[in-house]
C-alpha atoms as a PDB file:
ATOM      1  CA  MET A   1     -55.524 -63.259  -7.126  1.00  0.00           C
ATOM      2  CA  HIS A   2     -52.482 -61.576  -6.168  1.00  0.00           C
ATOM      3  CA  SER A   3     -51.407 -60.571  -2.736  1.00  0.00           C
ATOM      4  CA  MET A   4     -49.709 -57.475  -2.139  1.00  0.00           C
ATOM      5  CA  PRO A   5     -46.172 -57.484  -0.836  1.00  0.00           C
ATOM      6  CA  PRO A   6     -45.877 -56.748   2.464  1.00  0.00           C
ATOM      7  CA  ILE A   7     -44.995 -53.285   3.591  1.00  0.00           C
ATOM      8  CA  VAL A   8     -41.827 -52.849   5.245  1.00  0.00           C
ATOM      9  CA  SER A   9     -40.990 -50.350   7.772  1.00  0.00           C
ATOM     10  CA  PHE A  10     -37.643 -49.056   8.764  1.00  0.00           C
ATOM     11  CA  PRO A  11     -37.226 -47.097  12.024  1.00  0.00           C
ATOM     12  CA  PRO A  12     -35.911 -43.464  11.628  1.00  0.00           C
ATOM     13  CA  HIS A  13     -32.528 -44.528  13.153  1.00  0.00           C
ATOM     14  CA  ASP A  14     -32.101 -47.362  10.507  1.00  0.00           C
ATOM     15  CA  LEU A  15     -32.629 -44.709   7.567  1.00  0.00           C
ATOM     16  CA  ARG A  16     -30.027 -42.303   9.221  1.00  0.00           C
ATOM     17  CA  GLN A  17     -27.461 -45.374   9.527  1.00  0.00           C
ATOM     18  CA  ALA A  18     -28.063 -46.186   5.841  1.00  0.00           C
ATOM     19  CA  ALA A  19     -27.508 -42.610   4.808  1.00  0.00           C
ATOM     20  CA  ALA A  20     -24.285 -42.274   6.573  1.00  0.00           C
ATOM     21  CA  SER A  21     -23.007 -45.667   5.397  1.00  0.00           C
ATOM     22  CA  ILE A  22     -23.895 -44.394   1.561  1.00  0.00           C
ATOM     23  CA  ALA A  23     -22.134 -40.958   2.153  1.00  0.00           C
ATOM     24  CA  ILE A  24     -19.100 -42.603   3.552  1.00  0.00           C
ATOM     25  CA  SER A  25     -18.725 -45.271   0.722  1.00  0.00           C
ATOM     26  CA  ALA A  26     -19.135 -42.591  -1.574  1.00  0.00           C
ATOM     27  CA  SER A  27     -15.877 -40.923  -0.048  1.00  0.00           C
ATOM     28  CA  ALA A  28     -17.592 -38.240   1.918  1.00  0.00           C
ATOM     29  CA  ASN A  29     -15.336 -36.958   4.500  1.00  0.00           C
ATOM     30  CA  VAL A  30     -15.888 -36.979   8.437  1.00  0.00           C
ATOM     31  CA  GLU A  31     -16.721 -33.595   8.657  1.00  0.00           C
ATOM     32  CA  ALA A  32     -19.358 -33.941   5.924  1.00  0.00           C
ATOM     33  CA  VAL A  33     -21.293 -36.920   7.557  1.00  0.00           C
ATOM     34  CA  GLN A  34     -21.042 -35.082  10.706  1.00  0.00           C
ATOM     35  CA  ARG A  35     -22.645 -32.344   9.325  1.00  0.00           C
ATOM     36  CA  MET A  36     -25.365 -34.117   7.451  1.00  0.00           C
ATOM     37  CA  LEU A  37     -25.783 -36.118  10.941  1.00  0.00           C
ATOM     38  CA  ASP A  38     -25.940 -32.899  13.055  1.00  0.00           C
ATOM     39  CA  HIS A  39     -23.422 -34.740  15.298  1.00  0.00           C
ATOM     40  CA  ALA A  40     -21.938 -32.208  17.738  1.00  0.00           C
ATOM     41  CA  SER A  41     -18.234 -33.196  16.855  1.00  0.00           C
ATOM     42  CA  ALA A  42     -16.424 -35.284  14.199  1.00  0.00           C
ATOM     43  CA  ALA A  43     -15.400 -37.476  17.147  1.00  0.00           C
ATOM     44  CA  VAL A  44     -18.837 -38.493  17.889  1.00  0.00           C
ATOM     45  CA  THR A  45     -19.075 -39.410  14.054  1.00  0.00           C
ATOM     46  CA  LEU A  46     -15.936 -41.649  14.156  1.00  0.00           C
ATOM     47  CA  ASP A  47     -16.740 -42.865  17.108  1.00  0.00           C
ATOM     48  CA  THR A  48     -20.129 -44.037  15.851  1.00  0.00           C
ATOM     49  CA  TYR A  49     -19.107 -44.949  12.206  1.00  0.00           C
ATOM     50  CA  ALA A  50     -15.198 -45.564  12.146  1.00  0.00           C
ATOM     51  CA  ASP A  51     -15.318 -49.039  11.101  1.00  0.00           C
ATOM     52  CA  LEU A  52     -17.035 -47.800   7.875  1.00  0.00           C
ATOM     53  CA  PHE A  53     -14.062 -45.505   6.964  1.00  0.00           C
ATOM     54  CA  GLY A  54     -11.588 -48.483   7.467  1.00  0.00           C
ATOM     55  CA  GLY A  55     -10.491 -48.599   3.795  1.00  0.00           C
ATOM     56  CA  ASP A  56      -9.786 -44.975   3.688  1.00  0.00           C
ATOM     57  CA  ILE A  57      -6.164 -45.841   5.671  1.00  0.00           C
ATOM     58  CA  ASP A  58      -5.061 -47.780   2.480  1.00  0.00           C
ATOM     59  CA  ASN A  59      -6.144 -44.910   0.348  1.00  0.00           C
ATOM     60  CA  VAL A  60      -4.273 -41.988   2.316  1.00  0.00           C
ATOM     61  CA  ALA A  61      -1.021 -44.090   2.462  1.00  0.00           C
ATOM     62  CA  ASP A  62      -1.154 -44.437  -1.389  1.00  0.00           C
ATOM     63  CA  ALA A  63      -1.841 -40.926  -1.678  1.00  0.00           C
ATOM     64  CA  LEU A  64       1.031 -40.048   0.359  1.00  0.00           C
ATOM     65  CA  ALA A  65       3.348 -42.356  -1.142  1.00  0.00           C
ATOM     66  CA  ARG A  66       2.597 -40.509  -4.655  1.00  0.00           C
ATOM     67  CA  ALA A  67       3.064 -37.207  -3.233  1.00  0.00           C
ATOM     68  CA  ALA A  68       6.333 -38.138  -1.783  1.00  0.00           C
ATOM     69  CA  ASP A  69       7.573 -39.809  -5.096  1.00  0.00           C
ATOM     70  CA  ALA A  70       6.605 -36.673  -7.082  1.00  0.00           C
ATOM     71  CA  SER A  71       8.194 -34.472  -4.398  1.00  0.00           C
ATOM     72  CA  VAL A  72      11.430 -36.663  -4.990  1.00  0.00           C
ATOM     73  CA  VAL A  73      10.927 -36.330  -8.691  1.00  0.00           C
ATOM     74  CA  ALA A  74      10.574 -32.755  -8.689  1.00  0.00           C
ATOM     75  CA  ASN A  75      13.417 -32.207  -6.376  1.00  0.00           C
ATOM     76  CA  VAL A  76      15.660 -34.063  -8.503  1.00  0.00           C
ATOM     77  CA  LEU A  77      14.231 -32.539 -11.590  1.00  0.00           C
ATOM     78  CA  THR A  78      14.847 -28.995 -10.274  1.00  0.00           C
ATOM     79  CA  ALA A  79      17.844 -29.868  -9.241  1.00  0.00           C
ATOM     80  CA  SER A  80      19.520 -31.398 -12.510  1.00  0.00           C
ATOM     81  CA  GLU A  81      17.911 -28.406 -14.512  1.00  0.00           C
ATOM     82  CA  SER A  82      19.844 -25.948 -12.265  1.00  0.00           C
ATOM     83  CA  GLY A  83      23.065 -27.999 -12.253  1.00  0.00           C
ATOM     84  CA  VAL A  84      22.943 -28.825  -8.843  1.00  0.00           C
ATOM     85  CA  ARG A  85      24.378 -32.495  -8.029  1.00  0.00           C
ATOM     86  CA  THR A  86      22.215 -34.449  -5.467  1.00  0.00           C
ATOM     87  CA  ARG A  87      23.147 -37.279  -3.407  1.00  0.00           C
ATOM     88  CA  SER A  88      20.987 -40.324  -3.267  1.00  0.00           C
ATOM     89  CA  ARG A  89      19.571 -40.645   0.574  1.00  0.00           C
ATOM     90  CA  ARG A  90      21.402 -43.902   1.147  1.00  0.00           C
ATOM     91  CA  ALA A  91      24.786 -42.109   0.031  1.00  0.00           C
ATOM     92  CA  SER A  92      23.830 -38.823   2.161  1.00  0.00           C
ATOM     93  CA  SER A  93      22.614 -41.188   5.445  1.00  0.00           C
ATOM     94  CA  ALA A  94      25.781 -43.284   5.063  1.00  0.00           C
ATOM     95  CA  SER A  95      28.295 -39.844   4.929  1.00  0.00           C
ATOM     96  CA  ASP A  96      26.188 -38.420   7.769  1.00  0.00           C
ATOM     97  CA  SER A  97      26.910 -41.184  10.076  1.00  0.00           C
ATOM     98  CA  THR A  98      30.463 -41.454   9.489  1.00  0.00           C
ATOM     99  CA  ILE A  99      31.017 -37.880  10.412  1.00  0.00           C
ATOM    100  CA  THR A 100      33.200 -37.658  13.852  1.00  0.00           C
END
């Protein structure tokens, strides 16, 4: 005779934390999680779940680096198309520092 597996009960708060964890791991932003959990502010959400957003800082840094690279490339391409000569940052900062 087979016995039934025990029924596991989860307190509602554990289910709420699981939902928040799943949303954050699915890249939901802080405001979306705040609204989902009905927190008074995003600060409350961050105070509670900040450690779960930890990996996002690397993604933000990567996105900013890509945007900066794209901006520099776009500026160089625009300048070259219009025939304007551009100086490198190193050259411009060196000449700026020698101005007396």
